[in-house]
Amino acid sequence: MSPVIALTSATGLVGHVLAAESEDIHLRGKSVAELADHVLPSLTAAMSLLGTQHPDEADNFRGTVLVAVEAAAGSGKGEPSPAVAVMARKISAALDAA
């Protein structure tokens, strides 16, 4: 499964939000570090907001993101590279930090 399929297969409120085309999403950065500086805190903030406003959707969001991460890491095709494994742990930690 590709990460895009994982994200577009989401259900519930998360699925509706991910299915909507948004012009509000702007990822700036030319390096992984710059992107991570933006994305990881945003994942934590999203989990915090969902936990407050839609607690049942927080688990849905976390699961959806982790399925996409597993798909990107090539789950089922052997072990991911060390760099991919580290980033997957960072994403998981950002989701759990809320």
C-alpha atoms as a PDB file:
ATOM      1  CA  MET A   1       0.000   0.000   0.000  1.00  0.00           C
ATOM      2  CA  SER A   2       1.314   3.441  -0.830  1.00  0.00           C
ATOM      3  CA  PRO A   3       1.254   6.280   1.727  1.00  0.00           C
ATOM      4  CA  VAL A   4      -1.196   8.167  -0.498  1.00  0.00           C
ATOM      5  CA  ILE A   5      -3.606   5.227  -0.546  1.00  0.00           C
ATOM      6  CA  ALA A   6      -3.240   4.910   3.218  1.00  0.00           C
ATOM      7  CA  LEU A   7      -4.172   8.552   3.706  1.00  0.00           C
ATOM      8  CA  THR A   8      -7.021   8.563   1.215  1.00  0.00           C
ATOM      9  CA  SER A   9      -8.453   5.387   2.775  1.00  0.00           C
ATOM     10  CA  ALA A  10      -9.030   7.082   6.126  1.00  0.00           C
ATOM     11  CA  THR A  11     -12.545   7.114   7.520  1.00  0.00           C
ATOM     12  CA  GLY A  12     -14.462   9.331   9.921  1.00  0.00           C
ATOM     13  CA  LEU A  13     -13.692  13.000  10.400  1.00  0.00           C
ATOM     14  CA  VAL A  14     -10.034  12.346   9.582  1.00  0.00           C
ATOM     15  CA  GLY A  15     -10.995  10.800   6.250  1.00  0.00           C
ATOM     16  CA  HIS A  16     -13.175  13.762   5.347  1.00  0.00           C
ATOM     17  CA  VAL A  17     -10.439  16.248   6.215  1.00  0.00           C
ATOM     18  CA  LEU A  18      -7.779  14.336   4.285  1.00  0.00           C
ATOM     19  CA  ALA A  19     -10.095  13.946   1.283  1.00  0.00           C
ATOM     20  CA  ALA A  20     -10.702  17.693   1.042  1.00  0.00           C
ATOM     21  CA  GLU A  21      -8.315  19.509  -1.205  1.00  0.00           C
ATOM     22  CA  SER A  22      -6.698  22.177   0.879  1.00  0.00           C
ATOM     23  CA  GLU A  23      -4.823  25.194  -0.344  1.00  0.00           C
ATOM     24  CA  ASP A  24      -3.877  25.935   3.267  1.00  0.00           C
ATOM     25  CA  ILE A  25      -1.134  23.299   3.408  1.00  0.00           C
ATOM     26  CA  HIS A  26       2.258  24.742   2.598  1.00  0.00           C
ATOM     27  CA  LEU A  27       5.358  22.732   3.391  1.00  0.00           C
ATOM     28  CA  ARG A  28       8.395  24.904   3.251  1.00  0.00           C
ATOM     29  CA  GLY A  29      11.862  23.548   3.503  1.00  0.00           C
ATOM     30  CA  LYS A  30      14.559  22.120   1.362  1.00  0.00           C
ATOM     31  CA  SER A  31      15.888  19.540   3.784  1.00  0.00           C
ATOM     32  CA  VAL A  32      14.443  16.784   5.897  1.00  0.00           C
ATOM     33  CA  ALA A  33      15.446  18.764   8.991  1.00  0.00           C
ATOM     34  CA  GLU A  34      13.510  21.844   7.849  1.00  0.00           C
ATOM     35  CA  LEU A  35      10.434  19.766   7.008  1.00  0.00           C
ATOM     36  CA  ALA A  36      10.642  17.870  10.305  1.00  0.00           C
ATOM     37  CA  ASP A  37      10.879  21.181  12.206  1.00  0.00           C
ATOM     38  CA  HIS A  38       7.496  22.077  10.727  1.00  0.00           C
ATOM     39  CA  VAL A  39       5.700  18.731  10.491  1.00  0.00           C
ATOM     40  CA  LEU A  40       6.561  17.047  13.807  1.00  0.00           C
ATOM     41  CA  PRO A  41       5.249  19.876  16.022  1.00  0.00           C
ATOM     42  CA  SER A  42       2.186  20.097  13.772  1.00  0.00           C
ATOM     43  CA  LEU A  43       1.448  16.407  14.341  1.00  0.00           C
ATOM     44  CA  THR A  44       1.674  16.962  18.096  1.00  0.00           C
ATOM     45  CA  ALA A  45      -0.605  20.004  17.853  1.00  0.00           C
ATOM     46  CA  ALA A  46      -3.130  18.087  15.745  1.00  0.00           C
ATOM     47  CA  MET A  47      -3.225  15.255  18.278  1.00  0.00           C
ATOM     48  CA  SER A  48      -3.659  17.729  21.121  1.00  0.00           C
ATOM     49  CA  LEU A  49      -6.509  19.524  19.349  1.00  0.00           C
ATOM     50  CA  LEU A  50      -8.231  16.283  18.387  1.00  0.00           C
ATOM     51  CA  GLY A  51      -7.794  14.951  21.913  1.00  0.00           C
ATOM     52  CA  THR A  52      -9.612  18.017  23.226  1.00  0.00           C
ATOM     53  CA  GLN A  53     -12.301  18.461  20.582  1.00  0.00           C
ATOM     54  CA  HIS A  54     -12.781  14.956  19.104  1.00  0.00           C
ATOM     55  CA  PRO A  55     -11.130  12.370  21.369  1.00  0.00           C
ATOM     56  CA  ASP A  56     -12.359   9.390  19.362  1.00  0.00           C
ATOM     57  CA  GLU A  57     -10.876  10.892  16.198  1.00  0.00           C
ATOM     58  CA  ALA A  58      -7.453  11.303  17.832  1.00  0.00           C
ATOM     59  CA  ASP A  59      -6.914   7.533  17.693  1.00  0.00           C
ATOM     60  CA  ASN A  60      -8.209   7.471  14.118  1.00  0.00           C
ATOM     61  CA  PHE A  61      -5.752  10.210  13.110  1.00  0.00           C
ATOM     62  CA  ARG A  62      -2.830   8.531  14.886  1.00  0.00           C
ATOM     63  CA  GLY A  63      -3.623   5.202  13.241  1.00  0.00           C
ATOM     64  CA  THR A  64      -4.001   6.766   9.810  1.00  0.00           C
ATOM     65  CA  VAL A  65      -0.655   8.550  10.051  1.00  0.00           C
ATOM     66  CA  LEU A  66       1.099   5.411  11.297  1.00  0.00           C
ATOM     67  CA  VAL A  67      -0.363   3.297   8.469  1.00  0.00           C
ATOM     68  CA  ALA A  68       0.946   5.882   5.987  1.00  0.00           C
ATOM     69  CA  VAL A  69       4.369   5.810   7.686  1.00  0.00           C
ATOM     70  CA  GLU A  70       4.451   2.006   7.529  1.00  0.00           C
ATOM     71  CA  ALA A  71       3.478   2.131   3.856  1.00  0.00           C
ATOM     72  CA  ALA A  72       6.209   4.671   3.119  1.00  0.00           C
ATOM     73  CA  ALA A  73       8.746   2.575   5.013  1.00  0.00           C
ATOM     74  CA  GLY A  74       7.958  -0.343   2.726  1.00  0.00           C
ATOM     75  CA  SER A  75       6.345  -2.503   5.369  1.00  0.00           C
ATOM     76  CA  GLY A  76       6.330  -6.076   4.147  1.00  0.00           C
ATOM     77  CA  LYS A  77       9.338  -5.541   1.895  1.00  0.00           C
ATOM     78  CA  GLY A  78      11.991  -6.187   4.499  1.00  0.00           C
ATOM     79  CA  GLU A  79      13.405  -3.857   7.078  1.00  0.00           C
ATOM     80  CA  PRO A  80      13.335  -0.106   6.384  1.00  0.00           C
ATOM     81  CA  SER A  81      16.635   1.704   6.166  1.00  0.00           C
ATOM     82  CA  PRO A  82      17.996   3.050   9.458  1.00  0.00           C
ATOM     83  CA  ALA A  83      17.157   6.628   8.432  1.00  0.00           C
ATOM     84  CA  VAL A  84      13.553   5.708   7.630  1.00  0.00           C
ATOM     85  CA  ALA A  85      13.227   3.767  10.891  1.00  0.00           C
ATOM     86  CA  VAL A  86      14.483   6.758  12.889  1.00  0.00           C
ATOM     87  CA  MET A  87      12.046   9.119  11.160  1.00  0.00           C
ATOM     88  CA  ALA A  88       9.179   6.694  11.786  1.00  0.00           C
ATOM     89  CA  ARG A  89      10.062   6.708  15.497  1.00  0.00           C
ATOM     90  CA  LYS A  90      10.163  10.515  15.498  1.00  0.00           C
ATOM     91  CA  ILE A  91       6.736  10.678  13.881  1.00  0.00           C
ATOM     92  CA  SER A  92       5.347   8.201  16.386  1.00  0.00           C
ATOM     93  CA  ALA A  93       6.866  10.208  19.259  1.00  0.00           C
ATOM     94  CA  ALA A  94       5.355  13.431  17.904  1.00  0.00           C
ATOM     95  CA  LEU A  95       1.924  11.774  17.788  1.00  0.00           C
ATOM     96  CA  ASP A  96       2.323  10.526  21.354  1.00  0.00           C
ATOM     97  CA  ALA A  97       3.649  13.809  22.761  1.00  0.00           C
ATOM     98  CA  ALA A  98       0.197  15.407  22.968  1.00  0.00           C
END
